[in-house]
Amino acid sequence: PPYLVRDDGIEAEVLAHEPAPALFAPPEDPLHFYRRIALQGPGHLRAGGRVYCELPHERAGEILKLFENSGWNARILRDLAGRERVLAGSFGKALGQNG
């Protein structure tokens, strides 16, 4: 989901090649799209379904808490540079279980 805010340090190449709606969350609520996914996502998943979201490492902890407080089993995965970059979540079934 779009997760940047205008105050984030954004590389010029990213701004040159990505449309603004794909990059920027509403400035008054940088977690807007994560909140919608956390609250509405379970209604769009089959049993055992999972969601993976790219996220800003600066707000990874906040986003993880948002999902956990909404009933998700979630964890943060790191990218190759070691930054917290992806949220992996399932609803109603612990991550790592088969099925």
PDB file of N, CA and C in Angstrom:
ATOM      1  N   PRO A   1       0.834  -1.203   0.000  1.00  0.00           N
ATOM      2  CA  PRO A   1       0.000   0.000   0.000  1.00  0.00           C
ATOM      3  C   PRO A   1       0.872   1.258   0.000  1.00  0.00           C
ATOM      4  N   PRO A   2       0.334   2.371  -0.424  1.00  0.00           N
ATOM      5  CA  PRO A   2       1.073   3.633  -0.332  1.00  0.00           C
ATOM      6  C   PRO A   2       1.394   3.917   1.133  1.00  0.00           C
ATOM      7  N   TYR A   3       2.656   4.182   1.445  1.00  0.00           N
ATOM      8  CA  TYR A   3       3.020   4.336   2.847  1.00  0.00           C
ATOM      9  C   TYR A   3       3.933   5.519   3.139  1.00  0.00           C
ATOM     10  N   LEU A   4       4.336   6.246   2.139  1.00  0.00           N
ATOM     11  CA  LEU A   4       5.225   7.371   2.383  1.00  0.00           C
ATOM     12  C   LEU A   4       4.443   8.622   2.745  1.00  0.00           C
ATOM     13  N   VAL A   5       5.102   9.518   3.452  1.00  0.00           N
ATOM     14  CA  VAL A   5       4.594  10.861   3.672  1.00  0.00           C
ATOM     15  C   VAL A   5       5.617  11.814   3.067  1.00  0.00           C
ATOM     16  N   ARG A   6       5.187  12.995   2.717  1.00  0.00           N
ATOM     17  CA  ARG A   6       6.067  13.937   1.999  1.00  0.00           C
ATOM     18  C   ARG A   6       7.340  14.258   2.770  1.00  0.00           C
ATOM     19  N   ASP A   7       7.310  14.142   4.102  1.00  0.00           N
ATOM     20  CA  ASP A   7       8.495  14.445   4.912  1.00  0.00           C
ATOM     21  C   ASP A   7       9.525  13.319   4.916  1.00  0.00           C
ATOM     22  N   ASP A   8       9.150  12.127   4.449  1.00  0.00           N
ATOM     23  CA  ASP A   8      10.099  11.019   4.388  1.00  0.00           C
ATOM     24  C   ASP A   8      11.177  11.345   3.359  1.00  0.00           C
ATOM     25  N   GLY A   9      12.370  10.868   3.604  1.00  0.00           N
ATOM     26  CA  GLY A   9      13.429  11.027   2.605  1.00  0.00           C
ATOM     27  C   GLY A   9      13.144  10.102   1.434  1.00  0.00           C
ATOM     28  N   ILE A  10      12.829  10.668   0.286  1.00  0.00           N
ATOM     29  CA  ILE A  10      12.429   9.870  -0.873  1.00  0.00           C
ATOM     30  C   ILE A  10      13.442  10.092  -1.990  1.00  0.00           C
ATOM     31  N   GLU A  11      13.944   9.001  -2.537  1.00  0.00           N
ATOM     32  CA  GLU A  11      14.923   9.093  -3.616  1.00  0.00           C
ATOM     33  C   GLU A  11      14.279   9.715  -4.851  1.00  0.00           C
ATOM     34  N   ALA A  12      15.039  10.569  -5.536  1.00  0.00           N
ATOM     35  CA  ALA A  12      14.541  11.249  -6.730  1.00  0.00           C
ATOM     36  C   ALA A  12      14.090  10.259  -7.795  1.00  0.00           C
ATOM     37  N   GLU A  13      14.785   9.141  -7.915  1.00  0.00           N
ATOM     38  CA  GLU A  13      14.417   8.142  -8.924  1.00  0.00           C
ATOM     39  C   GLU A  13      13.046   7.542  -8.638  1.00  0.00           C
ATOM     40  N   VAL A  14      12.742   7.334  -7.380  1.00  0.00           N
ATOM     41  CA  VAL A  14      11.424   6.809  -7.009  1.00  0.00           C
ATOM     42  C   VAL A  14      10.344   7.815  -7.416  1.00  0.00           C
ATOM     43  N   LEU A  15      10.555   9.078  -7.088  1.00  0.00           N
ATOM     44  CA  LEU A  15       9.577  10.111  -7.441  1.00  0.00           C
ATOM     45  C   LEU A  15       9.417  10.258  -8.949  1.00  0.00           C
ATOM     46  N   ALA A  16      10.493  10.015  -9.690  1.00  0.00           N
ATOM     47  CA  ALA A  16      10.454  10.163 -11.147  1.00  0.00           C
ATOM     48  C   ALA A  16       9.698   9.031 -11.833  1.00  0.00           C
ATOM     49  N   HIS A  17       9.631   7.858 -11.203  1.00  0.00           N
ATOM     50  CA  HIS A  17       9.080   6.690 -11.885  1.00  0.00           C
ATOM     51  C   HIS A  17       7.811   6.111 -11.268  1.00  0.00           C
ATOM     52  N   GLU A  18       7.385   6.632 -10.152  1.00  0.00           N
ATOM     53  CA  GLU A  18       6.179   6.119  -9.498  1.00  0.00           C
ATOM     54  C   GLU A  18       5.142   7.230  -9.384  1.00  0.00           C
ATOM     55  N   PRO A  19       3.894   6.945  -9.698  1.00  0.00           N
ATOM     56  CA  PRO A  19       2.860   7.977  -9.525  1.00  0.00           C
ATOM     57  C   PRO A  19       2.609   8.231  -8.035  1.00  0.00           C
ATOM     58  N   ALA A  20       2.324   9.470  -7.707  1.00  0.00           N
ATOM     59  CA  ALA A  20       2.112   9.861  -6.309  1.00  0.00           C
ATOM     60  C   ALA A  20       1.074   9.002  -5.592  1.00  0.00           C
ATOM     61  N   PRO A  21      -0.077   8.635  -6.212  1.00  0.00           N
ATOM     62  CA  PRO A  21      -1.050   7.806  -5.480  1.00  0.00           C
ATOM     63  C   PRO A  21      -0.505   6.430  -5.078  1.00  0.00           C
ATOM     64  N   ALA A  22       0.520   5.964  -5.762  1.00  0.00           N
ATOM     65  CA  ALA A  22       1.120   4.672  -5.403  1.00  0.00           C
ATOM     66  C   ALA A  22       2.114   4.812  -4.261  1.00  0.00           C
ATOM     67  N   LEU A  23       2.510   6.030  -3.953  1.00  0.00           N
ATOM     68  CA  LEU A  23       3.545   6.260  -2.950  1.00  0.00           C
ATOM     69  C   LEU A  23       3.032   6.820  -1.636  1.00  0.00           C
ATOM     70  N   PHE A  24       2.099   7.775  -1.703  1.00  0.00           N
ATOM     71  CA  PHE A  24       1.795   8.581  -0.528  1.00  0.00           C
ATOM     72  C   PHE A  24       0.475   8.233   0.140  1.00  0.00           C
ATOM     73  N   ALA A  25       0.568   8.046   1.446  1.00  0.00           N
ATOM     74  CA  ALA A  25      -0.618   7.880   2.289  1.00  0.00           C
ATOM     75  C   ALA A  25      -1.169   9.281   2.587  1.00  0.00           C
ATOM     76  N   PRO A  26      -2.404   9.370   3.050  1.00  0.00           N
ATOM     77  CA  PRO A  26      -2.913  10.688   3.440  1.00  0.00           C
ATOM     78  C   PRO A  26      -2.001  11.298   4.508  1.00  0.00           C
ATOM     79  N   PRO A  27      -1.618  12.552   4.366  1.00  0.00           N
ATOM     80  CA  PRO A  27      -0.663  13.157   5.302  1.00  0.00           C
ATOM     81  C   PRO A  27      -1.147  13.165   6.745  1.00  0.00           C
ATOM     82  N   GLU A  28      -2.452  13.209   6.952  1.00  0.00           N
ATOM     83  CA  GLU A  28      -2.972  13.225   8.321  1.00  0.00           C
ATOM     84  C   GLU A  28      -3.012  11.834   8.953  1.00  0.00           C
ATOM     85  N   ASP A  29      -2.788  10.783   8.157  1.00  0.00           N
ATOM     86  CA  ASP A  29      -2.843   9.408   8.677  1.00  0.00           C
ATOM     87  C   ASP A  29      -1.936   8.486   7.850  1.00  0.00           C
ATOM     88  N   PRO A  30      -0.631   8.473   8.128  1.00  0.00           N
ATOM     89  CA  PRO A  30       0.287   7.642   7.358  1.00  0.00           C
ATOM     90  C   PRO A  30      -0.019   6.144   7.419  1.00  0.00           C
ATOM     91  N   LEU A  31      -0.805   5.713   8.408  1.00  0.00           N
ATOM     92  CA  LEU A  31      -1.145   4.291   8.539  1.00  0.00           C
ATOM     93  C   LEU A  31      -2.523   3.972   7.964  1.00  0.00           C
ATOM     94  N   HIS A  32      -3.104   4.915   7.243  1.00  0.00           N
ATOM     95  CA  HIS A  32      -4.453   4.772   6.708  1.00  0.00           C
ATOM     96  C   HIS A  32      -4.687   3.428   6.015  1.00  0.00           C
ATOM     97  N   PHE A  33      -3.855   3.081   5.063  1.00  0.00           N
ATOM     98  CA  PHE A  33      -4.082   1.859   4.293  1.00  0.00           C
ATOM     99  C   PHE A  33      -3.815   0.608   5.124  1.00  0.00           C
ATOM    100  N   TYR A  34      -2.855   0.665   6.033  1.00  0.00           N
ATOM    101  CA  TYR A  34      -2.612  -0.482   6.908  1.00  0.00           C
ATOM    102  C   TYR A  34      -3.789  -0.703   7.846  1.00  0.00           C
ATOM    103  N   ARG A  35      -4.359   0.389   8.332  1.00  0.00           N
ATOM    104  CA  ARG A  35      -5.531   0.284   9.209  1.00  0.00           C
ATOM    105  C   ARG A  35      -6.689  -0.375   8.463  1.00  0.00           C
ATOM    106  N   ARG A  36      -6.906   0.027   7.225  1.00  0.00           N
ATOM    107  CA  ARG A  36      -7.995  -0.573   6.431  1.00  0.00           C
ATOM    108  C   ARG A  36      -7.740  -2.052   6.192  1.00  0.00           C
ATOM    109  N   ILE A  37      -6.497  -2.407   5.873  1.00  0.00           N
ATOM    110  CA  ILE A  37      -6.171  -3.822   5.652  1.00  0.00           C
ATOM    111  C   ILE A  37      -6.357  -4.611   6.945  1.00  0.00           C
ATOM    112  N   ALA A  38      -5.885  -4.059   8.063  1.00  0.00           N
ATOM    113  CA  ALA A  38      -6.006  -4.761   9.348  1.00  0.00           C
ATOM    114  C   ALA A  38      -7.467  -4.983   9.723  1.00  0.00           C
ATOM    115  N   LEU A  39      -8.309  -3.999   9.489  1.00  0.00           N
ATOM    116  CA  LEU A  39      -9.716  -4.102   9.889  1.00  0.00           C
ATOM    117  C   LEU A  39     -10.578  -4.854   8.882  1.00  0.00           C
ATOM    118  N   GLN A  40     -10.332  -4.658   7.600  1.00  0.00           N
ATOM    119  CA  GLN A  40     -11.194  -5.244   6.579  1.00  0.00           C
ATOM    120  C   GLN A  40     -10.601  -6.493   5.931  1.00  0.00           C
ATOM    121  N   GLY A  41      -9.309  -6.691   6.091  1.00  0.00           N
ATOM    122  CA  GLY A  41      -8.634  -7.810   5.443  1.00  0.00           C
ATOM    123  C   GLY A  41      -9.206  -9.178   5.759  1.00  0.00           C
ATOM    124  N   PRO A  42      -9.533  -9.468   7.015  1.00  0.00           N
ATOM    125  CA  PRO A  42     -10.040 -10.807   7.314  1.00  0.00           C
ATOM    126  C   PRO A  42     -11.275 -11.190   6.498  1.00  0.00           C
ATOM    127  N   GLY A  43     -12.089 -10.225   6.145  1.00  0.00           N
ATOM    128  CA  GLY A  43     -13.276 -10.500   5.346  1.00  0.00           C
ATOM    129  C   GLY A  43     -12.968 -10.829   3.892  1.00  0.00           C
ATOM    130  N   HIS A  44     -11.726 -10.655   3.487  1.00  0.00           N
ATOM    131  CA  HIS A  44     -11.321 -10.916   2.114  1.00  0.00           C
ATOM    132  C   HIS A  44     -10.382 -12.107   1.986  1.00  0.00           C
ATOM    133  N   LEU A  45     -10.109 -12.768   3.094  1.00  0.00           N
ATOM    134  CA  LEU A  45      -9.196 -13.917   3.082  1.00  0.00           C
ATOM    135  C   LEU A  45      -9.959 -15.221   3.261  1.00  0.00           C
ATOM    136  N   ARG A  46      -9.496 -16.242   2.593  1.00  0.00           N
ATOM    137  CA  ARG A  46     -10.006 -17.591   2.858  1.00  0.00           C
ATOM    138  C   ARG A  46      -9.365 -18.096   4.139  1.00  0.00           C
ATOM    139  N   ALA A  47      -9.920 -19.145   4.713  1.00  0.00           N
ATOM    140  CA  ALA A  47      -9.339 -19.746   5.915  1.00  0.00           C
ATOM    141  C   ALA A  47      -7.884 -20.077   5.636  1.00  0.00           C
ATOM    142  N   GLY A  48      -7.007 -19.673   6.529  1.00  0.00           N
ATOM    143  CA  GLY A  48      -5.578 -19.925   6.369  1.00  0.00           C
ATOM    144  C   GLY A  48      -4.881 -18.945   5.436  1.00  0.00           C
ATOM    145  N   GLY A  49      -5.627 -17.983   4.890  1.00  0.00           N
ATOM    146  CA  GLY A  49      -5.025 -17.004   3.986  1.00  0.00           C
ATOM    147  C   GLY A  49      -4.066 -16.092   4.725  1.00  0.00           C
ATOM    148  N   ARG A  50      -3.151 -15.501   3.970  1.00  0.00           N
ATOM    149  CA  ARG A  50      -2.136 -14.618   4.549  1.00  0.00           C
ATOM    150  C   ARG A  50      -2.071 -13.320   3.771  1.00  0.00           C
ATOM    151  N   VAL A  51      -1.537 -12.308   4.435  1.00  0.00           N
ATOM    152  CA  VAL A  51      -1.302 -11.027   3.795  1.00  0.00           C
ATOM    153  C   VAL A  51       0.164 -10.655   4.010  1.00  0.00           C
ATOM    154  N   TYR A  52       0.748 -10.053   2.988  1.00  0.00           N
ATOM    155  CA  TYR A  52       2.109  -9.548   3.053  1.00  0.00           C
ATOM    156  C   TYR A  52       2.074  -8.106   2.576  1.00  0.00           C
ATOM    157  N   CYS A  53       2.628  -7.204   3.369  1.00  0.00           N
ATOM    158  CA  CYS A  53       2.625  -5.789   3.024  1.00  0.00           C
ATOM    159  C   CYS A  53       4.029  -5.215   3.152  1.00  0.00           C
ATOM    160  N   GLU A  54       4.459  -4.522   2.110  1.00  0.00           N
ATOM    161  CA  GLU A  54       5.688  -3.745   2.230  1.00  0.00           C
ATOM    162  C   GLU A  54       5.385  -2.588   3.164  1.00  0.00           C
ATOM    163  N   LEU A  55       6.379  -2.195   3.959  1.00  0.00           N
ATOM    164  CA  LEU A  55       6.130  -1.120   4.898  1.00  0.00           C
ATOM    165  C   LEU A  55       7.376  -0.279   5.113  1.00  0.00           C
ATOM    166  N   PRO A  56       7.185   0.915   5.638  1.00  0.00           N
ATOM    167  CA  PRO A  56       8.324   1.774   5.941  1.00  0.00           C
ATOM    168  C   PRO A  56       8.982   1.300   7.231  1.00  0.00           C
ATOM    169  N   HIS A  57      10.277   1.065   7.190  1.00  0.00           N
ATOM    170  CA  HIS A  57      10.932   0.542   8.388  1.00  0.00           C
ATOM    171  C   HIS A  57      10.789   1.492   9.577  1.00  0.00           C
ATOM    172  N   GLU A  58      10.618   2.786   9.311  1.00  0.00           N
ATOM    173  CA  GLU A  58      10.469   3.762  10.400  1.00  0.00           C
ATOM    174  C   GLU A  58       9.174   3.555  11.191  1.00  0.00           C
ATOM    175  N   ARG A  59       8.181   2.936  10.579  1.00  0.00           N
ATOM    176  CA  ARG A  59       6.890   2.741  11.250  1.00  0.00           C
ATOM    177  C   ARG A  59       6.528   1.263  11.420  1.00  0.00           C
ATOM    178  N   ALA A  60       7.513   0.384  11.268  1.00  0.00           N
ATOM    179  CA  ALA A  60       7.258  -1.062  11.319  1.00  0.00           C
ATOM    180  C   ALA A  60       6.633  -1.484  12.655  1.00  0.00           C
ATOM    181  N   GLY A  61       7.179  -1.022  13.758  1.00  0.00           N
ATOM    182  CA  GLY A  61       6.652  -1.399  15.070  1.00  0.00           C
ATOM    183  C   GLY A  61       5.217  -0.954  15.278  1.00  0.00           C
ATOM    184  N   GLU A  62       4.908   0.251  14.831  1.00  0.00           N
ATOM    185  CA  GLU A  62       3.548   0.785  14.924  1.00  0.00           C
ATOM    186  C   GLU A  62       2.562  -0.045  14.104  1.00  0.00           C
ATOM    187  N   ILE A  63       2.990  -0.424  12.909  1.00  0.00           N
ATOM    188  CA  ILE A  63       2.128  -1.205  12.019  1.00  0.00           C
ATOM    189  C   ILE A  63       1.929  -2.609  12.572  1.00  0.00           C
ATOM    190  N   LEU A  64       2.980  -3.205  13.107  1.00  0.00           N
ATOM    191  CA  LEU A  64       2.860  -4.530  13.720  1.00  0.00           C
ATOM    192  C   LEU A  64       1.848  -4.488  14.858  1.00  0.00           C
ATOM    193  N   LYS A  65       1.941  -3.495  15.737  1.00  0.00           N
ATOM    194  CA  LYS A  65       0.986  -3.367  16.856  1.00  0.00           C
ATOM    195  C   LYS A  65      -0.438  -3.182  16.350  1.00  0.00           C
ATOM    196  N   LEU A  66      -0.596  -2.389  15.303  1.00  0.00           N
ATOM    197  CA  LEU A  66      -1.918  -2.169  14.717  1.00  0.00           C
ATOM    198  C   LEU A  66      -2.546  -3.494  14.302  1.00  0.00           C
ATOM    199  N   PHE A  67      -1.778  -4.337  13.610  1.00  0.00           N
ATOM    200  CA  PHE A  67      -2.294  -5.632  13.181  1.00  0.00           C
ATOM    201  C   PHE A  67      -2.542  -6.552  14.374  1.00  0.00           C
ATOM    202  N   GLU A  68      -1.603  -6.628  15.288  1.00  0.00           N
ATOM    203  CA  GLU A  68      -1.783  -7.497  16.461  1.00  0.00           C
ATOM    204  C   GLU A  68      -3.006  -7.075  17.275  1.00  0.00           C
ATOM    205  N   ASN A  69      -3.194  -5.779  17.464  1.00  0.00           N
ATOM    206  CA  ASN A  69      -4.348  -5.280  18.220  1.00  0.00           C
ATOM    207  C   ASN A  69      -5.672  -5.513  17.497  1.00  0.00           C
ATOM    208  N   SER A  70      -5.592  -5.809  16.198  1.00  0.00           N
ATOM    209  CA  SER A  70      -6.794  -6.105  15.405  1.00  0.00           C
ATOM    210  C   SER A  70      -7.038  -7.609  15.279  1.00  0.00           C
ATOM    211  N   GLY A  71      -6.266  -8.419  16.019  1.00  0.00           N
ATOM    212  CA  GLY A  71      -6.487  -9.864  16.046  1.00  0.00           C
ATOM    213  C   GLY A  71      -5.645 -10.692  15.091  1.00  0.00           C
ATOM    214  N   TRP A  72      -4.700 -10.072  14.431  1.00  0.00           N
ATOM    215  CA  TRP A  72      -3.841 -10.793  13.488  1.00  0.00           C
ATOM    216  C   TRP A  72      -2.685 -11.473  14.212  1.00  0.00           C
ATOM    217  N   ASN A  73      -2.216 -12.579  13.647  1.00  0.00           N
ATOM    218  CA  ASN A  73      -0.940 -13.169  14.001  1.00  0.00           C
ATOM    219  C   ASN A  73       0.021 -12.576  12.971  1.00  0.00           C
ATOM    220  N   ALA A  74       0.935 -11.750  13.422  1.00  0.00           N
ATOM    221  CA  ALA A  74       1.771 -11.019  12.476  1.00  0.00           C
ATOM    222  C   ALA A  74       3.216 -10.991  12.949  1.00  0.00           C
ATOM    223  N   ARG A  75       4.093 -10.812  11.969  1.00  0.00           N
ATOM    224  CA  ARG A  75       5.511 -10.638  12.270  1.00  0.00           C
ATOM    225  C   ARG A  75       6.123  -9.769  11.183  1.00  0.00           C
ATOM    226  N   ILE A  76       7.275  -9.225  11.494  1.00  0.00           N
ATOM    227  CA  ILE A  76       7.988  -8.354  10.563  1.00  0.00           C
ATOM    228  C   ILE A  76       9.177  -9.118   9.989  1.00  0.00           C
ATOM    229  N   LEU A  77       9.338  -9.018   8.681  1.00  0.00           N
ATOM    230  CA  LEU A  77      10.471  -9.627   7.987  1.00  0.00           C
ATOM    231  C   LEU A  77      11.439  -8.523   7.578  1.00  0.00           C
ATOM    232  N   ARG A  78      12.722  -8.821   7.628  1.00  0.00           N
ATOM    233  CA  ARG A  78      13.749  -7.845   7.267  1.00  0.00           C
ATOM    234  C   ARG A  78      14.157  -8.000   5.802  1.00  0.00           C
ATOM    235  N   ASP A  79      14.568  -6.879   5.187  1.00  0.00           N
ATOM    236  CA  ASP A  79      15.071  -6.941   3.820  1.00  0.00           C
ATOM    237  C   ASP A  79      16.556  -7.302   3.843  1.00  0.00           C
ATOM    238  N   LEU A  80      17.187  -7.335   2.682  1.00  0.00           N
ATOM    239  CA  LEU A  80      18.591  -7.737   2.595  1.00  0.00           C
ATOM    240  C   LEU A  80      19.526  -6.755   3.298  1.00  0.00           C
ATOM    241  N   ALA A  81      19.100  -5.541   3.500  1.00  0.00           N
ATOM    242  CA  ALA A  81      19.900  -4.550   4.221  1.00  0.00           C
ATOM    243  C   ALA A  81      19.658  -4.624   5.731  1.00  0.00           C
ATOM    244  N   GLY A  82      18.779  -5.530   6.168  1.00  0.00           N
ATOM    245  CA  GLY A  82      18.496  -5.694   7.586  1.00  0.00           C
ATOM    246  C   GLY A  82      17.403  -4.797   8.124  1.00  0.00           C
ATOM    247  N   ARG A  83      16.757  -4.025   7.252  1.00  0.00           N
ATOM    248  CA  ARG A  83      15.674  -3.137   7.696  1.00  0.00           C
ATOM    249  C   ARG A  83      14.357  -3.900   7.769  1.00  0.00           C
ATOM    250  N   GLU A  84      13.551  -3.544   8.761  1.00  0.00           N
ATOM    251  CA  GLU A  84      12.211  -4.126   8.873  1.00  0.00           C
ATOM    252  C   GLU A  84      11.394  -3.621   7.690  1.00  0.00           C
ATOM    253  N   ARG A  85      11.000  -4.526   6.773  1.00  0.00           N
ATOM    254  CA  ARG A  85      10.458  -4.079   5.503  1.00  0.00           C
ATOM    255  C   ARG A  85       9.119  -4.711   5.108  1.00  0.00           C
ATOM    256  N   VAL A  86       8.777  -5.882   5.655  1.00  0.00           N
ATOM    257  CA  VAL A  86       7.554  -6.568   5.234  1.00  0.00           C
ATOM    258  C   VAL A  86       6.808  -7.074   6.461  1.00  0.00           C
ATOM    259  N   LEU A  87       5.507  -6.847   6.469  1.00  0.00           N
ATOM    260  CA  LEU A  87       4.650  -7.437   7.484  1.00  0.00           C
ATOM    261  C   LEU A  87       4.035  -8.697   6.875  1.00  0.00           C
ATOM    262  N   ALA A  88       4.145  -9.802   7.577  1.00  0.00           N
ATOM    263  CA  ALA A  88       3.498 -11.052   7.187  1.00  0.00           C
ATOM    264  C   ALA A  88       2.424 -11.327   8.234  1.00  0.00           C
ATOM    265  N   GLY A  89       1.210 -11.560   7.784  1.00  0.00           N
ATOM    266  CA  GLY A  89       0.132 -11.746   8.748  1.00  0.00           C
ATOM    267  C   GLY A  89      -0.881 -12.780   8.311  1.00  0.00           C
ATOM    268  N   SER A  90      -1.465 -13.427   9.299  1.00  0.00           N
ATOM    269  CA  SER A  90      -2.589 -14.332   9.069  1.00  0.00           C
ATOM    270  C   SER A  90      -3.622 -14.021  10.135  1.00  0.00           C
ATOM    271  N   PHE A  91      -4.853 -14.378   9.857  1.00  0.00           N
ATOM    272  CA  PHE A  91      -5.924 -14.075  10.791  1.00  0.00           C
ATOM    273  C   PHE A  91      -6.538 -15.386  11.248  1.00  0.00           C
ATOM    274  N   GLY A  92      -6.466 -15.617  12.550  1.00  0.00           N
ATOM    275  CA  GLY A  92      -7.091 -16.807  13.110  1.00  0.00           C
ATOM    276  C   GLY A  92      -6.240 -18.059  13.055  1.00  0.00           C
ATOM    277  N   LYS A  93      -5.048 -17.981  12.515  1.00  0.00           N
ATOM    278  CA  LYS A  93      -4.163 -19.142  12.456  1.00  0.00           C
ATOM    279  C   LYS A  93      -2.733 -18.629  12.554  1.00  0.00           C
ATOM    280  N   ALA A  94      -1.947 -19.227  13.397  1.00  0.00           N
ATOM    281  CA  ALA A  94      -0.584 -18.760  13.597  1.00  0.00           C
ATOM    282  C   ALA A  94       0.237 -18.902  12.323  1.00  0.00           C
ATOM    283  N   LEU A  95       1.091 -17.934  12.075  1.00  0.00           N
ATOM    284  CA  LEU A  95       2.008 -18.020  10.947  1.00  0.00           C
ATOM    285  C   LEU A  95       2.935 -19.213  11.136  1.00  0.00           C
ATOM    286  N   GLY A  96       3.310 -19.832  10.053  1.00  0.00           N
ATOM    287  CA  GLY A  96       4.239 -20.943  10.130  1.00  0.00           C
ATOM    288  C   GLY A  96       3.557 -22.289  10.157  1.00  0.00           C
ATOM    289  N   GLN A  97       2.236 -22.313  10.376  1.00  0.00           N
ATOM    290  CA  GLN A  97       1.504 -23.585  10.345  1.00  0.00           C
ATOM    291  C   GLN A  97       1.107 -23.889   8.917  1.00  0.00           C
ATOM    292  N   ASN A  98       1.158 -25.141   8.573  1.00  0.00           N
ATOM    293  CA  ASN A  98       0.736 -25.551   7.228  1.00  0.00           C
ATOM    294  C   ASN A  98      -0.782 -25.683   7.176  1.00  0.00           C
ATOM    295  N   GLY A  99      -1.302 -25.575   5.942  1.00  0.00           N
ATOM    296  CA  GLY A  99      -2.727 -25.789   5.778  1.00  0.00           C
ATOM    297  C   GLY A  99      -3.378 -24.651   5.256  1.00  0.00           C
TER     298      GLY A  99
END
